[in-house]
mmCIF file of all heavy atoms, coordinates in Angstrom:
data_MODEL
# 
_entry.id   MODEL 
# 
loop_
_atom_site.group_PDB 
_atom_site.id 
_atom_site.type_symbol 
_atom_site.label_atom_id 
_atom_site.label_alt_id 
_atom_site.label_comp_id 
_atom_site.label_asym_id 
_atom_site.label_entity_id 
_atom_site.label_seq_id 
_atom_site.pdbx_PDB_ins_code 
_atom_site.Cartn_x 
_atom_site.Cartn_y 
_atom_site.Cartn_z 
_atom_site.occupancy 
_atom_site.B_iso_or_equiv 
_atom_site.pdbx_formal_charge 
_atom_site.auth_seq_id 
_atom_site.auth_comp_id 
_atom_site.auth_asym_id 
_atom_site.auth_atom_id 
_atom_site.pdbx_PDB_model_num 
ATOM 1   N N   . MET A 1 1  ? 106.950 75.192 104.170 1.00 0.00 ? 1  MET A N   1 
ATOM 2   C CA  . MET A 1 1  ? 107.571 75.128 105.431 1.00 0.00 ? 1  MET A CA  1 
ATOM 3   C C   . MET A 1 1  ? 106.643 75.744 106.570 1.00 0.00 ? 1  MET A C   1 
ATOM 4   O O   . MET A 1 1  ? 106.277 76.928 106.473 1.00 0.00 ? 1  MET A O   1 
ATOM 5   C CB  . MET A 1 1  ? 108.887 75.933 105.465 1.00 0.00 ? 1  MET A CB  1 
ATOM 6   C CG  . MET A 1 1  ? 109.610 76.094 106.827 1.00 0.00 ? 1  MET A CG  1 
ATOM 7   S SD  . MET A 1 1  ? 110.245 74.407 107.305 1.00 0.00 ? 1  MET A SD  1 
ATOM 8   C CE  . MET A 1 1  ? 111.599 74.137 106.336 1.00 0.00 ? 1  MET A CE  1 
ATOM 9   N N   . ASN A 1 2  ? 106.289 74.982 107.554 1.00 0.00 ? 2  ASN A N   1 
ATOM 10  C CA  . ASN A 1 2  ? 105.436 75.430 108.706 1.00 0.00 ? 2  ASN A CA  1 
ATOM 11  C C   . ASN A 1 2  ? 106.202 76.360 109.504 1.00 0.00 ? 2  ASN A C   1 
ATOM 12  O O   . ASN A 1 2  ? 107.393 76.093 110.033 1.00 0.00 ? 2  ASN A O   1 
ATOM 13  C CB  . ASN A 1 2  ? 104.902 74.260 109.530 1.00 0.00 ? 2  ASN A CB  1 
ATOM 14  C CG  . ASN A 1 2  ? 103.979 74.669 110.467 1.00 0.00 ? 2  ASN A CG  1 
ATOM 15  O OD1 . ASN A 1 2  ? 104.312 75.237 111.474 1.00 0.00 ? 2  ASN A OD1 1 
ATOM 16  N ND2 . ASN A 1 2  ? 102.636 74.446 110.316 1.00 0.00 ? 2  ASN A ND2 1 
ATOM 17  N N   . PRO A 1 3  ? 105.777 77.589 109.795 1.00 0.00 ? 3  PRO A N   1 
ATOM 18  C CA  . PRO A 1 3  ? 106.536 78.541 110.600 1.00 0.00 ? 3  PRO A CA  1 
ATOM 19  C C   . PRO A 1 3  ? 106.745 78.255 111.941 1.00 0.00 ? 3  PRO A C   1 
ATOM 20  O O   . PRO A 1 3  ? 107.618 78.794 112.683 1.00 0.00 ? 3  PRO A O   1 
ATOM 21  C CB  . PRO A 1 3  ? 105.668 79.805 110.318 1.00 0.00 ? 3  PRO A CB  1 
ATOM 22  C CG  . PRO A 1 3  ? 104.389 79.417 110.302 1.00 0.00 ? 3  PRO A CG  1 
ATOM 23  C CD  . PRO A 1 3  ? 104.410 78.119 109.379 1.00 0.00 ? 3  PRO A CD  1 
ATOM 24  N N   . PHE A 1 4  ? 105.834 77.344 112.476 1.00 0.00 ? 4  PHE A N   1 
ATOM 25  C CA  . PHE A 1 4  ? 106.027 77.032 113.961 1.00 0.00 ? 4  PHE A CA  1 
ATOM 26  C C   . PHE A 1 4  ? 106.884 75.665 114.135 1.00 0.00 ? 4  PHE A C   1 
ATOM 27  O O   . PHE A 1 4  ? 107.756 75.662 115.055 1.00 0.00 ? 4  PHE A O   1 
ATOM 28  C CB  . PHE A 1 4  ? 104.690 76.758 114.565 1.00 0.00 ? 4  PHE A CB  1 
ATOM 29  C CG  . PHE A 1 4  ? 103.838 78.078 114.535 1.00 0.00 ? 4  PHE A CG  1 
ATOM 30  C CD1 . PHE A 1 4  ? 102.831 78.248 113.595 1.00 0.00 ? 4  PHE A CD1 1 
ATOM 31  C CD2 . PHE A 1 4  ? 104.015 79.044 115.467 1.00 0.00 ? 4  PHE A CD2 1 
ATOM 32  C CE1 . PHE A 1 4  ? 102.091 79.531 113.471 1.00 0.00 ? 4  PHE A CE1 1 
ATOM 33  C CE2 . PHE A 1 4  ? 103.125 80.149 115.372 1.00 0.00 ? 4  PHE A CE2 1 
ATOM 34  C CZ  . PHE A 1 4  ? 102.213 80.374 114.531 1.00 0.00 ? 4  PHE A CZ  1 
ATOM 35  N N   . TYR A 1 5  ? 106.621 74.650 113.443 1.00 0.00 ? 5  TYR A N   1 
ATOM 36  C CA  . TYR A 1 5  ? 107.273 73.434 113.641 1.00 0.00 ? 5  TYR A CA  1 
ATOM 37  C C   . TYR A 1 5  ? 108.589 73.201 112.665 1.00 0.00 ? 5  TYR A C   1 
ATOM 38  O O   . TYR A 1 5  ? 109.242 72.280 112.917 1.00 0.00 ? 5  TYR A O   1 
ATOM 39  C CB  . TYR A 1 5  ? 106.280 72.269 113.326 1.00 0.00 ? 5  TYR A CB  1 
ATOM 40  C CG  . TYR A 1 5  ? 105.108 72.388 114.157 1.00 0.00 ? 5  TYR A CG  1 
ATOM 41  C CD1 . TYR A 1 5  ? 103.732 72.456 113.452 1.00 0.00 ? 5  TYR A CD1 1 
ATOM 42  C CD2 . TYR A 1 5  ? 105.056 72.355 115.437 1.00 0.00 ? 5  TYR A CD2 1 
ATOM 43  C CE1 . TYR A 1 5  ? 102.608 72.663 114.208 1.00 0.00 ? 5  TYR A CE1 1 
ATOM 44  C CE2 . TYR A 1 5  ? 103.872 72.467 116.174 1.00 0.00 ? 5  TYR A CE2 1 
ATOM 45  C CZ  . TYR A 1 5  ? 102.606 72.622 115.509 1.00 0.00 ? 5  TYR A CZ  1 
ATOM 46  O OH  . TYR A 1 5  ? 101.433 72.749 116.253 1.00 0.00 ? 5  TYR A OH  1 
ATOM 47  N N   . LYS A 1 6  ? 108.757 74.201 111.844 1.00 0.00 ? 6  LYS A N   1 
ATOM 48  C CA  . LYS A 1 6  ? 109.932 74.126 110.954 1.00 0.00 ? 6  LYS A CA  1 
ATOM 49  C C   . LYS A 1 6  ? 110.094 72.769 110.116 1.00 0.00 ? 6  LYS A C   1 
ATOM 50  O O   . LYS A 1 6  ? 111.181 72.268 110.088 1.00 0.00 ? 6  LYS A O   1 
ATOM 51  C CB  . LYS A 1 6  ? 111.247 74.511 111.828 1.00 0.00 ? 6  LYS A CB  1 
ATOM 52  C CG  . LYS A 1 6  ? 111.183 75.747 112.461 1.00 0.00 ? 6  LYS A CG  1 
ATOM 53  C CD  . LYS A 1 6  ? 110.922 76.945 111.460 1.00 0.00 ? 6  LYS A CD  1 
ATOM 54  C CE  . LYS A 1 6  ? 110.843 78.306 112.223 1.00 0.00 ? 6  LYS A CE  1 
ATOM 55  N NZ  . LYS A 1 6  ? 110.661 79.407 111.391 1.00 0.00 ? 6  LYS A NZ  1 
ATOM 56  N N   . ILE A 1 7  ? 108.989 72.262 109.722 1.00 0.00 ? 7  ILE A N   1 
ATOM 57  C CA  . ILE A 1 7  ? 108.853 71.114 108.865 1.00 0.00 ? 7  ILE A CA  1 
ATOM 58  C C   . ILE A 1 7  ? 108.160 71.392 107.599 1.00 0.00 ? 7  ILE A C   1 
ATOM 59  O O   . ILE A 1 7  ? 107.340 72.275 107.662 1.00 0.00 ? 7  ILE A O   1 
ATOM 60  C CB  . ILE A 1 7  ? 108.333 69.828 109.650 1.00 0.00 ? 7  ILE A CB  1 
ATOM 61  C CG1 . ILE A 1 7  ? 106.953 70.037 110.085 1.00 0.00 ? 7  ILE A CG1 1 
ATOM 62  C CG2 . ILE A 1 7  ? 109.305 69.570 110.914 1.00 0.00 ? 7  ILE A CG2 1 
ATOM 63  C CD1 . ILE A 1 7  ? 106.216 68.853 110.791 1.00 0.00 ? 7  ILE A CD1 1 
ATOM 64  N N   . ILE A 1 8  ? 108.337 70.511 106.595 1.00 0.00 ? 8  ILE A N   1 
ATOM 65  C CA  . ILE A 1 8  ? 107.573 70.695 105.401 1.00 0.00 ? 8  ILE A CA  1 
ATOM 66  C C   . ILE A 1 8  ? 106.219 69.975 105.601 1.00 0.00 ? 8  ILE A C   1 
ATOM 67  O O   . ILE A 1 8  ? 106.187 68.755 106.056 1.00 0.00 ? 8  ILE A O   1 
ATOM 68  C CB  . ILE A 1 8  ? 108.263 70.161 104.280 1.00 0.00 ? 8  ILE A CB  1 
ATOM 69  C CG1 . ILE A 1 8  ? 109.565 70.801 104.049 1.00 0.00 ? 8  ILE A CG1 1 
ATOM 70  C CG2 . ILE A 1 8  ? 107.369 70.130 103.000 1.00 0.00 ? 8  ILE A CG2 1 
ATOM 71  C CD1 . ILE A 1 8  ? 109.554 72.142 103.617 1.00 0.00 ? 8  ILE A CD1 1 
ATOM 72  N N   . SER A 1 9  ? 105.148 70.628 105.401 1.00 0.00 ? 9  SER A N   1 
ATOM 73  C CA  . SER A 1 9  ? 103.854 70.095 105.546 1.00 0.00 ? 9  SER A CA  1 
ATOM 74  C C   . SER A 1 9  ? 102.869 70.683 104.455 1.00 0.00 ? 9  SER A C   1 
ATOM 75  O O   . SER A 1 9  ? 103.159 71.531 103.754 1.00 0.00 ? 9  SER A O   1 
ATOM 76  C CB  . SER A 1 9  ? 103.260 70.459 107.039 1.00 0.00 ? 9  SER A CB  1 
ATOM 77  O OG  . SER A 1 9  ? 103.173 71.992 107.104 1.00 0.00 ? 9  SER A OG  1 
ATOM 78  N N   . ASP A 1 10 ? 101.752 69.884 104.409 1.00 0.00 ? 10 ASP A N   1 
ATOM 79  C CA  . ASP A 1 10 ? 100.689 70.360 103.442 1.00 0.00 ? 10 ASP A CA  1 
ATOM 80  C C   . ASP A 1 10 ? 100.027 71.691 103.696 1.00 0.00 ? 10 ASP A C   1 
ATOM 81  O O   . ASP A 1 10 ? 99.510  71.731 104.793 1.00 0.00 ? 10 ASP A O   1 
ATOM 82  C CB  . ASP A 1 10 ? 99.566  69.284 103.345 1.00 0.00 ? 10 ASP A CB  1 
ATOM 83  C CG  . ASP A 1 10 ? 100.172 67.986 102.619 1.00 0.00 ? 10 ASP A CG  1 
ATOM 84  O OD1 . ASP A 1 10 ? 101.098 68.037 101.784 1.00 0.00 ? 10 ASP A OD1 1 
ATOM 85  O OD2 . ASP A 1 10 ? 99.812  66.832 103.032 1.00 0.00 ? 10 ASP A OD2 1 
ATOM 86  N N   . HIS A 1 11 ? 100.082 72.593 102.742 1.00 0.00 ? 11 HIS A N   1 
ATOM 87  C CA  . HIS A 1 11 ? 99.317  73.785 102.915 1.00 0.00 ? 11 HIS A CA  1 
ATOM 88  C C   . HIS A 1 11 ? 98.208  73.817 102.059 1.00 0.00 ? 11 HIS A C   1 
ATOM 89  O O   . HIS A 1 11 ? 98.372  73.670 100.815 1.00 0.00 ? 11 HIS A O   1 
ATOM 90  C CB  . HIS A 1 11 ? 100.361 75.087 102.631 1.00 0.00 ? 11 HIS A CB  1 
ATOM 91  C CG  . HIS A 1 11 ? 99.851  76.339 102.968 1.00 0.00 ? 11 HIS A CG  1 
ATOM 92  N ND1 . HIS A 1 11 ? 99.541  77.317 102.132 1.00 0.00 ? 11 HIS A ND1 1 
ATOM 93  C CD2 . HIS A 1 11 ? 99.469  76.888 104.079 1.00 0.00 ? 11 HIS A CD2 1 
ATOM 94  C CE1 . HIS A 1 11 ? 99.133  78.401 102.686 1.00 0.00 ? 11 HIS A CE1 1 
ATOM 95  N NE2 . HIS A 1 11 ? 99.124  78.070 103.996 1.00 0.00 ? 11 HIS A NE2 1 
ATOM 96  N N   . THR A 1 12 ? 96.982  74.002 102.626 1.00 0.00 ? 12 THR A N   1 
ATOM 97  C CA  . THR A 1 12 ? 95.734  73.822 101.754 1.00 0.00 ? 12 THR A CA  1 
ATOM 98  C C   . THR A 1 12 ? 95.137  75.074 101.316 1.00 0.00 ? 12 THR A C   1 
ATOM 99  O O   . THR A 1 12 ? 93.973  74.962 100.860 1.00 0.00 ? 12 THR A O   1 
ATOM 100 C CB  . THR A 1 12 ? 94.803  73.017 102.572 1.00 0.00 ? 12 THR A CB  1 
ATOM 101 O OG1 . THR A 1 12 ? 94.515  73.742 103.786 1.00 0.00 ? 12 THR A OG1 1 
ATOM 102 C CG2 . THR A 1 12 ? 95.361  71.551 103.021 1.00 0.00 ? 12 THR A CG2 1 
ATOM 103 N N   . GLY A 1 13 ? 95.808  76.272 101.382 1.00 0.00 ? 13 GLY A N   1 
ATOM 104 C CA  . GLY A 1 13 ? 95.107  77.382 100.864 1.00 0.00 ? 13 GLY A CA  1 
ATOM 105 C C   . GLY A 1 13 ? 96.171  78.436 100.409 1.00 0.00 ? 13 GLY A C   1 
ATOM 106 O O   . GLY A 1 13 ? 97.259  77.959 100.168 1.00 0.00 ? 13 GLY A O   1 
ATOM 107 N N   . LEU A 1 14 ? 95.634  79.588 100.226 1.00 0.00 ? 14 LEU A N   1 
ATOM 108 C CA  . LEU A 1 14 ? 96.463  80.717 99.790  1.00 0.00 ? 14 LEU A CA  1 
ATOM 109 C C   . LEU A 1 14 ? 96.700  81.733 100.880 1.00 0.00 ? 14 LEU A C   1 
ATOM 110 O O   . LEU A 1 14 ? 95.626  82.244 101.461 1.00 0.00 ? 14 LEU A O   1 
ATOM 111 C CB  . LEU A 1 14 ? 95.798  81.361 98.537  1.00 0.00 ? 14 LEU A CB  1 
ATOM 112 C CG  . LEU A 1 14 ? 96.657  82.707 98.127  1.00 0.00 ? 14 LEU A CG  1 
ATOM 113 C CD1 . LEU A 1 14 ? 97.897  82.324 97.573  1.00 0.00 ? 14 LEU A CD1 1 
ATOM 114 C CD2 . LEU A 1 14 ? 95.694  83.356 97.005  1.00 0.00 ? 14 LEU A CD2 1 
ATOM 115 N N   . ASP A 1 15 ? 97.796  82.087 101.253 1.00 0.00 ? 15 ASP A N   1 
ATOM 116 C CA  . ASP A 1 15 ? 98.091  83.144 102.300 1.00 0.00 ? 15 ASP A CA  1 
ATOM 117 C C   . ASP A 1 15 ? 98.031  84.484 101.570 1.00 0.00 ? 15 ASP A C   1 
ATOM 118 O O   . ASP A 1 15 ? 98.772  84.786 100.581 1.00 0.00 ? 15 ASP A O   1 
ATOM 119 C CB  . ASP A 1 15 ? 99.428  82.963 102.947 1.00 0.00 ? 15 ASP A CB  1 
ATOM 120 C CG  . ASP A 1 15 ? 99.515  81.790 103.906 1.00 0.00 ? 15 ASP A CG  1 
ATOM 121 O OD1 . ASP A 1 15 ? 98.432  81.356 104.317 1.00 0.00 ? 15 ASP A OD1 1 
ATOM 122 O OD2 . ASP A 1 15 ? 100.616 81.228 104.262 1.00 0.00 ? 15 ASP A OD2 1 
ATOM 123 N N   . ILE A 1 16 ? 97.171  85.415 102.041 1.00 0.00 ? 16 ILE A N   1 
ATOM 124 C CA  . ILE A 1 16 ? 97.041  86.692 101.413 1.00 0.00 ? 16 ILE A CA  1 
ATOM 125 C C   . ILE A 1 16 ? 97.476  87.593 102.446 1.00 0.00 ? 16 ILE A C   1 
ATOM 126 O O   . ILE A 1 16 ? 96.947  87.708 103.530 1.00 0.00 ? 16 ILE A O   1 
ATOM 127 C CB  . ILE A 1 16 ? 95.691  86.970 100.987 1.00 0.00 ? 16 ILE A CB  1 
ATOM 128 C CG1 . ILE A 1 16 ? 95.147  86.077 99.904  1.00 0.00 ? 16 ILE A CG1 1 
ATOM 129 C CG2 . ILE A 1 16 ? 95.545  88.443 100.411 1.00 0.00 ? 16 ILE A CG2 1 
ATOM 130 C CD1 . ILE A 1 16 ? 93.778  86.322 99.450  1.00 0.00 ? 16 ILE A CD1 1 
ATOM 131 N N   . VAL A 1 17 ? 98.622  88.324 102.217 1.00 0.00 ? 17 VAL A N   1 
ATOM 132 C CA  . VAL A 1 17 ? 99.165  89.306 103.231 1.00 0.00 ? 17 VAL A CA  1 
ATOM 133 C C   . VAL A 1 17 ? 98.241  90.402 103.318 1.00 0.00 ? 17 VAL A C   1 
ATOM 134 O O   . VAL A 1 17 ? 97.835  91.058 102.233 1.00 0.00 ? 17 VAL A O   1 
ATOM 135 C CB  . VAL A 1 17 ? 100.601 89.810 102.765 1.00 0.00 ? 17 VAL A CB  1 
ATOM 136 C CG1 . VAL A 1 17 ? 101.196 90.707 103.786 1.00 0.00 ? 17 VAL A CG1 1 
ATOM 137 C CG2 . VAL A 1 17 ? 101.557 88.564 102.569 1.00 0.00 ? 17 VAL A CG2 1 
ATOM 138 N N   . ALA A 1 18 ? 97.935  90.829 104.632 1.00 0.00 ? 18 ALA A N   1 
ATOM 139 C CA  . ALA A 1 18 ? 96.951  91.851 104.858 1.00 0.00 ? 18 ALA A CA  1 
ATOM 140 C C   . ALA A 1 18 ? 97.227  92.495 106.237 1.00 0.00 ? 18 ALA A C   1 
ATOM 141 O O   . ALA A 1 18 ? 97.914  91.787 107.111 1.00 0.00 ? 18 ALA A O   1 
ATOM 142 C CB  . ALA A 1 18 ? 95.592  91.346 104.758 1.00 0.00 ? 18 ALA A CB  1 
ATOM 143 N N   . TYR A 1 19 ? 96.695  93.728 106.551 1.00 0.00 ? 19 TYR A N   1 
ATOM 144 C CA  . TYR A 1 19 ? 96.828  94.189 107.813 1.00 0.00 ? 19 TYR A CA  1 
ATOM 145 C C   . TYR A 1 19 ? 95.598  93.719 108.670 1.00 0.00 ? 19 TYR A C   1 
ATOM 146 O O   . TYR A 1 19 ? 94.524  93.604 108.215 1.00 0.00 ? 19 TYR A O   1 
ATOM 147 C CB  . TYR A 1 19 ? 96.811  95.761 107.740 1.00 0.00 ? 19 TYR A CB  1 
ATOM 148 C CG  . TYR A 1 19 ? 97.968  96.329 107.070 1.00 0.00 ? 19 TYR A CG  1 
ATOM 149 C CD1 . TYR A 1 19 ? 97.968  96.755 105.765 1.00 0.00 ? 19 TYR A CD1 1 
ATOM 150 C CD2 . TYR A 1 19 ? 99.204  96.373 107.720 1.00 0.00 ? 19 TYR A CD2 1 
ATOM 151 C CE1 . TYR A 1 19 ? 99.052  97.342 105.144 1.00 0.00 ? 19 TYR A CE1 1 
ATOM 152 C CE2 . TYR A 1 19 ? 100.439 96.893 107.070 1.00 0.00 ? 19 TYR A CE2 1 
ATOM 153 C CZ  . TYR A 1 19 ? 100.328 97.316 105.745 1.00 0.00 ? 19 TYR A CZ  1 
ATOM 154 O OH  . TYR A 1 19 ? 101.492 97.874 105.105 1.00 0.00 ? 19 TYR A OH  1 
ATOM 155 N N   . ALA A 1 20 ? 95.834  93.630 109.922 1.00 0.00 ? 20 ALA A N   1 
ATOM 156 C CA  . ALA A 1 20 ? 94.715  93.353 110.930 1.00 0.00 ? 20 ALA A CA  1 
ATOM 157 C C   . ALA A 1 20 ? 93.683  94.462 110.733 1.00 0.00 ? 20 ALA A C   1 
ATOM 158 O O   . ALA A 1 20 ? 94.104  95.554 110.821 1.00 0.00 ? 20 ALA A O   1 
ATOM 159 C CB  . ALA A 1 20 ? 95.278  93.252 112.289 1.00 0.00 ? 20 ALA A CB  1 
ATOM 160 N N   . GLY A 1 21 ? 92.491  94.047 110.537 1.00 0.00 ? 21 GLY A N   1 
ATOM 161 C CA  . GLY A 1 21 ? 91.480  95.029 110.490 1.00 0.00 ? 21 GLY A CA  1 
ATOM 162 C C   . GLY A 1 21 ? 90.971  95.331 108.988 1.00 0.00 ? 21 GLY A C   1 
ATOM 163 O O   . GLY A 1 21 ? 89.951  95.953 108.649 1.00 0.00 ? 21 GLY A O   1 
ATOM 164 N N   . ASP A 1 22 ? 91.730  94.711 108.020 1.00 0.00 ? 22 ASP A N   1 
ATOM 165 C CA  . ASP A 1 22 ? 91.316  94.905 106.679 1.00 0.00 ? 22 ASP A CA  1 
ATOM 166 C C   . ASP A 1 22 ? 89.968  94.020 106.412 1.00 0.00 ? 22 ASP A C   1 
ATOM 167 O O   . ASP A 1 22 ? 89.853  92.972 106.980 1.00 0.00 ? 22 ASP A O   1 
ATOM 168 C CB  . ASP A 1 22 ? 92.362  94.218 105.657 1.00 0.00 ? 22 ASP A CB  1 
ATOM 169 C CG  . ASP A 1 22 ? 93.549  95.293 105.601 1.00 0.00 ? 22 ASP A CG  1 
ATOM 170 O OD1 . ASP A 1 22 ? 93.411  96.422 105.980 1.00 0.00 ? 22 ASP A OD1 1 
ATOM 171 O OD2 . ASP A 1 22 ? 94.556  94.764 104.878 1.00 0.00 ? 22 ASP A OD2 1 
ATOM 172 N N   . LYS A 1 23 ? 89.131  94.528 105.459 1.00 0.00 ? 23 LYS A N   1 
ATOM 173 C CA  . LYS A 1 23 ? 87.871  93.854 105.247 1.00 0.00 ? 23 LYS A CA  1 
ATOM 174 C C   . LYS A 1 23 ? 88.089  92.508 104.416 1.00 0.00 ? 23 LYS A C   1 
ATOM 175 O O   . LYS A 1 23 ? 88.933  92.491 103.529 1.00 0.00 ? 23 LYS A O   1 
ATOM 176 C CB  . LYS A 1 23 ? 86.943  94.780 104.420 1.00 0.00 ? 23 LYS A CB  1 
ATOM 177 C CG  . LYS A 1 23 ? 86.601  96.054 105.130 1.00 0.00 ? 23 LYS A CG  1 
ATOM 178 C CD  . LYS A 1 23 ? 85.694  96.930 104.225 1.00 0.00 ? 23 LYS A CD  1 
ATOM 179 C CE  . LYS A 1 23 ? 85.209  98.104 104.861 1.00 0.00 ? 23 LYS A CE  1 
ATOM 180 N NZ  . LYS A 1 23 ? 84.308  99.001 104.152 1.00 0.00 ? 23 LYS A NZ  1 
ATOM 181 N N   . VAL A 1 24 ? 87.418  91.554 104.807 1.00 0.00 ? 24 VAL A N   1 
ATOM 182 C CA  . VAL A 1 24 ? 87.313  90.243 104.189 1.00 0.00 ? 24 VAL A CA  1 
ATOM 183 C C   . VAL A 1 24 ? 85.933  90.073 103.442 1.00 0.00 ? 24 VAL A C   1 
ATOM 184 O O   . VAL A 1 24 ? 84.981  90.300 103.953 1.00 0.00 ? 24 VAL A O   1 
ATOM 185 C CB  . VAL A 1 24 ? 87.550  89.031 105.078 1.00 0.00 ? 24 VAL A CB  1 
ATOM 186 C CG1 . VAL A 1 24 ? 87.435  87.723 104.391 1.00 0.00 ? 24 VAL A CG1 1 
ATOM 187 C CG2 . VAL A 1 24 ? 88.832  89.178 105.974 1.00 0.00 ? 24 VAL A CG2 1 
ATOM 188 N N   . LEU A 1 25 ? 86.061  89.831 102.059 1.00 0.00 ? 25 LEU A N   1 
ATOM 189 C CA  . LEU A 1 25 ? 84.923  89.790 101.149 1.00 0.00 ? 25 LEU A CA  1 
ATOM 190 C C   . LEU A 1 25 ? 84.673  88.594 100.667 1.00 0.00 ? 25 LEU A C   1 
ATOM 191 O O   . LEU A 1 25 ? 85.439  87.668 100.464 1.00 0.00 ? 25 LEU A O   1 
ATOM 192 C CB  . LEU A 1 25 ? 85.244  90.826 100.026 1.00 0.00 ? 25 LEU A CB  1 
ATOM 193 C CG  . LEU A 1 25 ? 85.824  92.236 100.464 1.00 0.00 ? 25 LEU A CG  1 
ATOM 194 C CD1 . LEU A 1 25 ? 86.027  92.975 99.164  1.00 0.00 ? 25 LEU A CD1 1 
ATOM 195 C CD2 . LEU A 1 25 ? 84.804  92.945 101.317 1.00 0.00 ? 25 LEU A CD2 1 
# 
């Protein structure tokens, strides 16, 4: 479910919950 358009769409990755400012490796 797309959080903006509220429709089912293809999601092509993995959402990793993190705080703004966390290091990306």
